[in-house]
């Protein structure tokens, strides 16, 4: 699913105003409302990874980040 640019497979950073391609998945939850183990995922470019994880962790939300895997090219 493409997000942001209209290009298939394009994944855009979730930081407000950023249009850079995402290279990390930031997985988090709000324990006050996500009691069933549900998580949310934001996407981050290299420049905004620290900002997004810091924003979430400063609010006490469990957060982890991982590199996005490249999507397989269609033949």
PDB file of N, CA and C in Angstrom:
ATOM      1  N   UNK A   1       0.848  -1.175   0.000  1.00  0.00           N
ATOM      2  CA  UNK A   1       0.000   0.000   0.000  1.00  0.00           C
ATOM      3  C   UNK A   1       0.886   1.228   0.000  1.00  0.00           C
ATOM      4  N   UNK A   2       0.671   2.131  -0.897  1.00  0.00           N
ATOM      5  CA  UNK A   2       1.467   3.336  -0.959  1.00  0.00           C
ATOM      6  C   UNK A   2       0.834   4.458  -0.161  1.00  0.00           C
ATOM      7  N   UNK A   3       1.647   5.184   0.579  1.00  0.00           N
ATOM      8  CA  UNK A   3       1.148   6.305   1.350  1.00  0.00           C
ATOM      9  C   UNK A   3       1.969   7.539   1.007  1.00  0.00           C
ATOM     10  N   UNK A   4       1.309   8.652   0.817  1.00  0.00           N
ATOM     11  CA  UNK A   4       2.017   9.905   0.670  1.00  0.00           C
ATOM     12  C   UNK A   4       2.214  10.388  -0.743  1.00  0.00           C
ATOM     13  N   UNK A   5       2.993   9.694  -1.540  1.00  0.00           N
ATOM     14  CA  UNK A   5       3.361  10.228  -2.836  1.00  0.00           C
ATOM     15  C   UNK A   5       2.448   9.803  -3.958  1.00  0.00           C
ATOM     16  N   UNK A   6       1.604   8.820  -3.731  1.00  0.00           N
ATOM     17  CA  UNK A   6       0.768   8.283  -4.791  1.00  0.00           C
ATOM     18  C   UNK A   6       1.464   7.174  -5.558  1.00  0.00           C
ATOM     19  N   UNK A   7       2.744   6.962  -5.265  1.00  0.00           N
ATOM     20  CA  UNK A   7       3.486   5.885  -5.908  1.00  0.00           C
ATOM     21  C   UNK A   7       3.230   4.584  -5.167  1.00  0.00           C
ATOM     22  N   UNK A   8       2.977   3.491  -5.887  1.00  0.00           N
ATOM     23  CA  UNK A   8       2.799   2.206  -5.202  1.00  0.00           C
ATOM     24  C   UNK A   8       4.049   1.845  -4.403  1.00  0.00           C
ATOM     25  N   UNK A   9       3.845   1.407  -3.175  1.00  0.00           N
ATOM     26  CA  UNK A   9       4.958   0.982  -2.341  1.00  0.00           C
ATOM     27  C   UNK A   9       5.699   2.103  -1.632  1.00  0.00           C
ATOM     28  N   UNK A  10       5.344   3.360  -1.897  1.00  0.00           N
ATOM     29  CA  UNK A  10       6.030   4.475  -1.238  1.00  0.00           C
ATOM     30  C   UNK A  10       5.542   4.598   0.193  1.00  0.00           C
ATOM     31  N   UNK A  11       6.484   4.648   1.137  1.00  0.00           N
ATOM     32  CA  UNK A  11       6.134   4.796   2.554  1.00  0.00           C
ATOM     33  C   UNK A  11       6.765   6.077   3.060  1.00  0.00           C
ATOM     34  N   UNK A  12       5.926   7.010   3.514  1.00  0.00           N
ATOM     35  CA  UNK A  12       6.360   8.358   3.902  1.00  0.00           C
ATOM     36  C   UNK A  12       6.495   8.474   5.412  1.00  0.00           C
ATOM     37  N   UNK A  13       7.464   9.251   5.854  1.00  0.00           N
ATOM     38  CA  UNK A  13       7.680   9.537   7.266  1.00  0.00           C
ATOM     39  C   UNK A  13       6.421  10.124   7.894  1.00  0.00           C
ATOM     40  N   UNK A  14       6.129   9.730   9.138  1.00  0.00           N
ATOM     41  CA  UNK A  14       4.929  10.189   9.848  1.00  0.00           C
ATOM     42  C   UNK A  14       5.093  11.548  10.524  1.00  0.00           C
ATOM     43  N   UNK A  15       6.298  12.091  10.571  1.00  0.00           N
ATOM     44  CA  UNK A  15       6.529  13.406  11.188  1.00  0.00           C
ATOM     45  C   UNK A  15       5.776  14.453  10.393  1.00  0.00           C
ATOM     46  N   UNK A  16       5.035  15.312  11.083  1.00  0.00           N
ATOM     47  CA  UNK A  16       4.250  16.354  10.424  1.00  0.00           C
ATOM     48  C   UNK A  16       5.124  17.179   9.485  1.00  0.00           C
ATOM     49  N   UNK A  17       4.668  17.321   8.252  1.00  0.00           N
ATOM     50  CA  UNK A  17       5.363  18.138   7.274  1.00  0.00           C
ATOM     51  C   UNK A  17       6.493  17.447   6.544  1.00  0.00           C
ATOM     52  N   UNK A  18       6.861  16.250   6.946  1.00  0.00           N
ATOM     53  CA  UNK A  18       7.967  15.544   6.302  1.00  0.00           C
ATOM     54  C   UNK A  18       7.438  14.686   5.158  1.00  0.00           C
ATOM     55  N   UNK A  19       8.104  14.760   4.027  1.00  0.00           N
ATOM     56  CA  UNK A  19       7.701  13.957   2.871  1.00  0.00           C
ATOM     57  C   UNK A  19       8.785  12.949   2.482  1.00  0.00           C
ATOM     58  N   UNK A  20       9.784  12.789   3.348  1.00  0.00           N
ATOM     59  CA  UNK A  20      10.891  11.872   3.065  1.00  0.00           C
ATOM     60  C   UNK A  20      10.416  10.415   3.144  1.00  0.00           C
ATOM     61  N   UNK A  21      11.086   9.542   2.411  1.00  0.00           N
ATOM     62  CA  UNK A  21      10.733   8.131   2.502  1.00  0.00           C
ATOM     63  C   UNK A  21      11.064   7.559   3.882  1.00  0.00           C
ATOM     64  N   UNK A  22      10.189   6.711   4.377  1.00  0.00           N
ATOM     65  CA  UNK A  22      10.394   6.078   5.680  1.00  0.00           C
ATOM     66  C   UNK A  22      11.363   4.913   5.539  1.00  0.00           C
ATOM     67  N   UNK A  23      12.232   4.762   6.547  1.00  0.00           N
ATOM     68  CA  UNK A  23      13.165   3.634   6.580  1.00  0.00           C
ATOM     69  C   UNK A  23      13.062   2.861   7.884  1.00  0.00           C
ATOM     70  N   UNK A  24      12.227   3.356   8.821  1.00  0.00           N
ATOM     71  CA  UNK A  24      12.040   2.703  10.116  1.00  0.00           C
ATOM     72  C   UNK A  24      10.551   2.617  10.445  1.00  0.00           C
ATOM     73  N   UNK A  25      10.177   1.565  11.168  1.00  0.00           N
ATOM     74  CA  UNK A  25       8.838   1.443  11.736  1.00  0.00           C
ATOM     75  C   UNK A  25       8.963   1.695  13.231  1.00  0.00           C
ATOM     76  N   UNK A  26       8.145   2.599  13.753  1.00  0.00           N
ATOM     77  CA  UNK A  26       8.117   2.911  15.174  1.00  0.00           C
ATOM     78  C   UNK A  26       6.821   2.300  15.722  1.00  0.00           C
ATOM     79  N   UNK A  27       6.963   1.253  16.525  1.00  0.00           N
ATOM     80  CA  UNK A  27       5.816   0.516  17.047  1.00  0.00           C
ATOM     81  C   UNK A  27       5.596   0.929  18.498  1.00  0.00           C
ATOM     82  N   UNK A  28       4.378   1.333  18.834  1.00  0.00           N
ATOM     83  CA  UNK A  28       4.101   1.837  20.170  1.00  0.00           C
ATOM     84  C   UNK A  28       2.672   1.515  20.582  1.00  0.00           C
ATOM     85  N   UNK A  29       2.392   1.734  21.859  1.00  0.00           N
ATOM     86  CA  UNK A  29       1.024   1.607  22.367  1.00  0.00           C
ATOM     87  C   UNK A  29       0.828   2.560  23.530  1.00  0.00           C
ATOM     88  N   UNK A  30      -0.427   2.882  23.769  1.00  0.00           N
ATOM     89  CA  UNK A  30      -0.808   3.678  24.931  1.00  0.00           C
ATOM     90  C   UNK A  30      -1.479   2.709  25.889  1.00  0.00           C
ATOM     91  N   UNK A  31      -0.796   2.308  26.973  1.00  0.00           N
ATOM     92  CA  UNK A  31      -1.346   1.302  27.878  1.00  0.00           C
ATOM     93  C   UNK A  31      -2.677   1.689  28.521  1.00  0.00           C
ATOM     94  N   UNK A  32      -3.004   2.980  28.547  1.00  0.00           N
ATOM     95  CA  UNK A  32      -4.277   3.398  29.134  1.00  0.00           C
ATOM     96  C   UNK A  32      -5.466   3.024  28.249  1.00  0.00           C
ATOM     97  N   UNK A  33      -5.249   2.949  26.937  1.00  0.00           N
ATOM     98  CA  UNK A  33      -6.360   2.622  26.037  1.00  0.00           C
ATOM     99  C   UNK A  33      -6.117   1.352  25.223  1.00  0.00           C
ATOM    100  N   UNK A  34      -4.880   0.914  25.113  1.00  0.00           N
ATOM    101  CA  UNK A  34      -4.559  -0.296  24.345  1.00  0.00           C
ATOM    102  C   UNK A  34      -4.271  -1.440  25.320  1.00  0.00           C
ATOM    103  N   UNK A  35      -5.305  -1.923  25.979  1.00  0.00           N
ATOM    104  CA  UNK A  35      -5.131  -2.958  27.002  1.00  0.00           C
ATOM    105  C   UNK A  35      -5.128  -4.364  26.423  1.00  0.00           C
ATOM    106  N   UNK A  36      -5.457  -4.521  25.154  1.00  0.00           N
ATOM    107  CA  UNK A  36      -5.556  -5.837  24.541  1.00  0.00           C
ATOM    108  C   UNK A  36      -4.290  -6.239  23.771  1.00  0.00           C
ATOM    109  N   UNK A  37      -3.179  -5.534  23.994  1.00  0.00           N
ATOM    110  CA  UNK A  37      -1.937  -5.844  23.294  1.00  0.00           C
ATOM    111  C   UNK A  37      -1.846  -5.200  21.924  1.00  0.00           C
ATOM    112  N   UNK A  38      -2.813  -4.370  21.579  1.00  0.00           N
ATOM    113  CA  UNK A  38      -2.817  -3.695  20.279  1.00  0.00           C
ATOM    114  C   UNK A  38      -1.684  -2.672  20.214  1.00  0.00           C
ATOM    115  N   UNK A  39      -1.089  -2.532  19.064  1.00  0.00           N
ATOM    116  CA  UNK A  39      -0.037  -1.535  18.874  1.00  0.00           C
ATOM    117  C   UNK A  39      -0.375  -0.640  17.693  1.00  0.00           C
ATOM    118  N   UNK A  40       0.262   0.494  17.654  1.00  0.00           N
ATOM    119  CA  UNK A  40       0.168   1.434  16.537  1.00  0.00           C
ATOM    120  C   UNK A  40       1.543   1.483  15.889  1.00  0.00           C
ATOM    121  N   UNK A  41       1.585   1.823  14.622  1.00  0.00           N
ATOM    122  CA  UNK A  41       2.858   1.935  13.927  1.00  0.00           C
ATOM    123  C   UNK A  41       2.946   3.273  13.208  1.00  0.00           C
ATOM    124  N   UNK A  42       4.005   3.994  13.497  1.00  0.00           N
ATOM    125  CA  UNK A  42       4.346   5.196  12.754  1.00  0.00           C
ATOM    126  C   UNK A  42       5.555   4.856  11.904  1.00  0.00           C
ATOM    127  N   UNK A  43       5.742   5.591  10.826  1.00  0.00           N
ATOM    128  CA  UNK A  43       6.902   5.413   9.962  1.00  0.00           C
ATOM    129  C   UNK A  43       7.838   6.599  10.136  1.00  0.00           C
ATOM    130  N   UNK A  44       9.141   6.337  10.058  1.00  0.00           N
ATOM    131  CA  UNK A  44      10.115   7.407  10.285  1.00  0.00           C
ATOM    132  C   UNK A  44      11.226   7.369   9.251  1.00  0.00           C
ATOM    133  N   UNK A  45      11.644   8.542   8.809  1.00  0.00           N
ATOM    134  CA  UNK A  45      12.855   8.659   8.007  1.00  0.00           C
ATOM    135  C   UNK A  45      14.034   8.675   8.984  1.00  0.00           C
ATOM    136  N   UNK A  46      15.230   8.595   8.483  1.00  0.00           N
ATOM    137  CA  UNK A  46      16.398   8.601   9.352  1.00  0.00           C
ATOM    138  C   UNK A  46      16.511   9.858  10.202  1.00  0.00           C
ATOM    139  N   UNK A  47      16.114  10.989   9.651  1.00  0.00           N
ATOM    140  CA  UNK A  47      16.214  12.263  10.365  1.00  0.00           C
ATOM    141  C   UNK A  47      15.243  12.357  11.541  1.00  0.00           C
ATOM    142  N   UNK A  48      14.066  11.742  11.444  1.00  0.00           N
ATOM    143  CA  UNK A  48      13.034  11.918  12.465  1.00  0.00           C
ATOM    144  C   UNK A  48      12.829  10.717  13.380  1.00  0.00           C
ATOM    145  N   UNK A  49      13.618   9.666  13.243  1.00  0.00           N
ATOM    146  CA  UNK A  49      13.473   8.496  14.106  1.00  0.00           C
ATOM    147  C   UNK A  49      13.624   8.877  15.580  1.00  0.00           C
ATOM    148  N   UNK A  50      14.677   9.582  15.911  1.00  0.00           N
ATOM    149  CA  UNK A  50      14.920   9.962  17.305  1.00  0.00           C
ATOM    150  C   UNK A  50      13.811  10.865  17.844  1.00  0.00           C
ATOM    151  N   UNK A  51      13.336  11.789  17.020  1.00  0.00           N
ATOM    152  CA  UNK A  51      12.260  12.693  17.450  1.00  0.00           C
ATOM    153  C   UNK A  51      10.988  11.906  17.782  1.00  0.00           C
ATOM    154  N   UNK A  52      10.571  11.014  16.882  1.00  0.00           N
ATOM    155  CA  UNK A  52       9.324  10.281  17.083  1.00  0.00           C
ATOM    156  C   UNK A  52       9.407   9.317  18.264  1.00  0.00           C
ATOM    157  N   UNK A  53      10.511   8.585  18.397  1.00  0.00           N
ATOM    158  CA  UNK A  53      10.640   7.671  19.536  1.00  0.00           C
ATOM    159  C   UNK A  53      10.743   8.449  20.847  1.00  0.00           C
ATOM    160  N   UNK A  54      11.429   9.574  20.842  1.00  0.00           N
ATOM    161  CA  UNK A  54      11.534  10.415  22.035  1.00  0.00           C
ATOM    162  C   UNK A  54      10.193  11.003  22.442  1.00  0.00           C
ATOM    163  N   UNK A  55       9.416  11.444  21.462  1.00  0.00           N
ATOM    164  CA  UNK A  55       8.084  11.994  21.720  1.00  0.00           C
ATOM    165  C   UNK A  55       7.221  10.972  22.444  1.00  0.00           C
ATOM    166  N   UNK A  56       7.236   9.730  21.969  1.00  0.00           N
ATOM    167  CA  UNK A  56       6.408   8.677  22.557  1.00  0.00           C
ATOM    168  C   UNK A  56       6.933   8.217  23.911  1.00  0.00           C
ATOM    169  N   UNK A  57       8.228   8.010  24.018  1.00  0.00           N
ATOM    170  CA  UNK A  57       8.784   7.520  25.281  1.00  0.00           C
ATOM    171  C   UNK A  57       8.685   8.568  26.389  1.00  0.00           C
ATOM    172  N   UNK A  58       8.725   9.851  26.043  1.00  0.00           N
ATOM    173  CA  UNK A  58       8.594  10.898  27.061  1.00  0.00           C
ATOM    174  C   UNK A  58       7.199  10.906  27.685  1.00  0.00           C
ATOM    175  N   UNK A  59       6.242  10.304  27.013  1.00  0.00           N
ATOM    176  CA  UNK A  59       4.879  10.197  27.532  1.00  0.00           C
ATOM    177  C   UNK A  59       4.641   8.864  28.236  1.00  0.00           C
ATOM    178  N   UNK A  60       5.702   8.064  28.361  1.00  0.00           N
ATOM    179  CA  UNK A  60       5.600   6.796  29.066  1.00  0.00           C
ATOM    180  C   UNK A  60       5.036   5.660  28.238  1.00  0.00           C
ATOM    181  N   UNK A  61       4.962   5.836  26.921  1.00  0.00           N
ATOM    182  CA  UNK A  61       4.430   4.788  26.060  1.00  0.00           C
ATOM    183  C   UNK A  61       5.534   3.787  25.724  1.00  0.00           C
ATOM    184  N   UNK A  62       5.235   2.494  25.781  1.00  0.00           N
ATOM    185  CA  UNK A  62       6.212   1.503  25.312  1.00  0.00           C
ATOM    186  C   UNK A  62       6.433   1.718  23.807  1.00  0.00           C
ATOM    187  N   UNK A  63       7.691   1.788  23.409  1.00  0.00           N
ATOM    188  CA  UNK A  63       8.007   2.067  22.007  1.00  0.00           C
ATOM    189  C   UNK A  63       9.232   1.270  21.580  1.00  0.00           C
ATOM    190  N   UNK A  64       9.211   0.809  20.343  1.00  0.00           N
ATOM    191  CA  UNK A  64      10.380   0.157  19.756  1.00  0.00           C
ATOM    192  C   UNK A  64      10.471   0.583  18.298  1.00  0.00           C
ATOM    193  N   UNK A  65      11.664   0.489  17.748  1.00  0.00           N
ATOM    194  CA  UNK A  65      11.869   0.858  16.348  1.00  0.00           C
ATOM    195  C   UNK A  65      12.621  -0.260  15.649  1.00  0.00           C
ATOM    196  N   UNK A  66      12.284  -0.443  14.385  1.00  0.00           N
ATOM    197  CA  UNK A  66      12.963  -1.451  13.580  1.00  0.00           C
ATOM    198  C   UNK A  66      13.062  -0.949  12.152  1.00  0.00           C
ATOM    199  N   UNK A  67      14.073  -1.430  11.458  1.00  0.00           N
ATOM    200  CA  UNK A  67      14.251  -1.059  10.067  1.00  0.00           C
ATOM    201  C   UNK A  67      13.119  -1.664   9.235  1.00  0.00           C
ATOM    202  N   UNK A  68      12.633  -0.891   8.275  1.00  0.00           N
ATOM    203  CA  UNK A  68      11.628  -1.416   7.352  1.00  0.00           C
ATOM    204  C   UNK A  68      12.322  -2.323   6.338  1.00  0.00           C
ATOM    205  N   UNK A  69      11.683  -3.393   6.023  1.00  0.00           N
ATOM    206  CA  UNK A  69      12.222  -4.274   4.998  1.00  0.00           C
ATOM    207  C   UNK A  69      11.797  -3.752   3.647  1.00  0.00           C
ATOM    208  N   UNK A  70      12.681  -3.878   2.674  1.00  0.00           N
ATOM    209  CA  UNK A  70      12.343  -3.463   1.323  1.00  0.00           C
ATOM    210  C   UNK A  70      11.257  -4.397   0.780  1.00  0.00           C
ATOM    211  N   UNK A  71      10.307  -3.828   0.082  1.00  0.00           N
ATOM    212  CA  UNK A  71       9.255  -4.648  -0.497  1.00  0.00           C
ATOM    213  C   UNK A  71       9.806  -5.382  -1.710  1.00  0.00           C
ATOM    214  N   UNK A  72       9.361  -6.578  -1.898  1.00  0.00           N
ATOM    215  CA  UNK A  72       9.775  -7.349  -3.060  1.00  0.00           C
ATOM    216  C   UNK A  72       9.264  -6.665  -4.336  1.00  0.00           C
ATOM    217  N   UNK A  73      10.110  -6.608  -5.327  1.00  0.00           N
ATOM    218  CA  UNK A  73       9.704  -5.988  -6.587  1.00  0.00           C
ATOM    219  C   UNK A  73       8.792  -6.923  -7.348  1.00  0.00           C
ATOM    220  N   UNK A  74       7.761  -6.353  -7.969  1.00  0.00           N
ATOM    221  CA  UNK A  74       6.865  -7.148  -8.783  1.00  0.00           C
ATOM    222  C   UNK A  74       7.507  -7.425 -10.115  1.00  0.00           C
ATOM    223  N   UNK A  75       7.311  -8.614 -10.614  1.00  0.00           N
ATOM    224  CA  UNK A  75       7.905  -8.995 -11.897  1.00  0.00           C
ATOM    225  C   UNK A  75       6.854  -8.974 -12.957  1.00  0.00           C
TER     226      UNK A  75
END
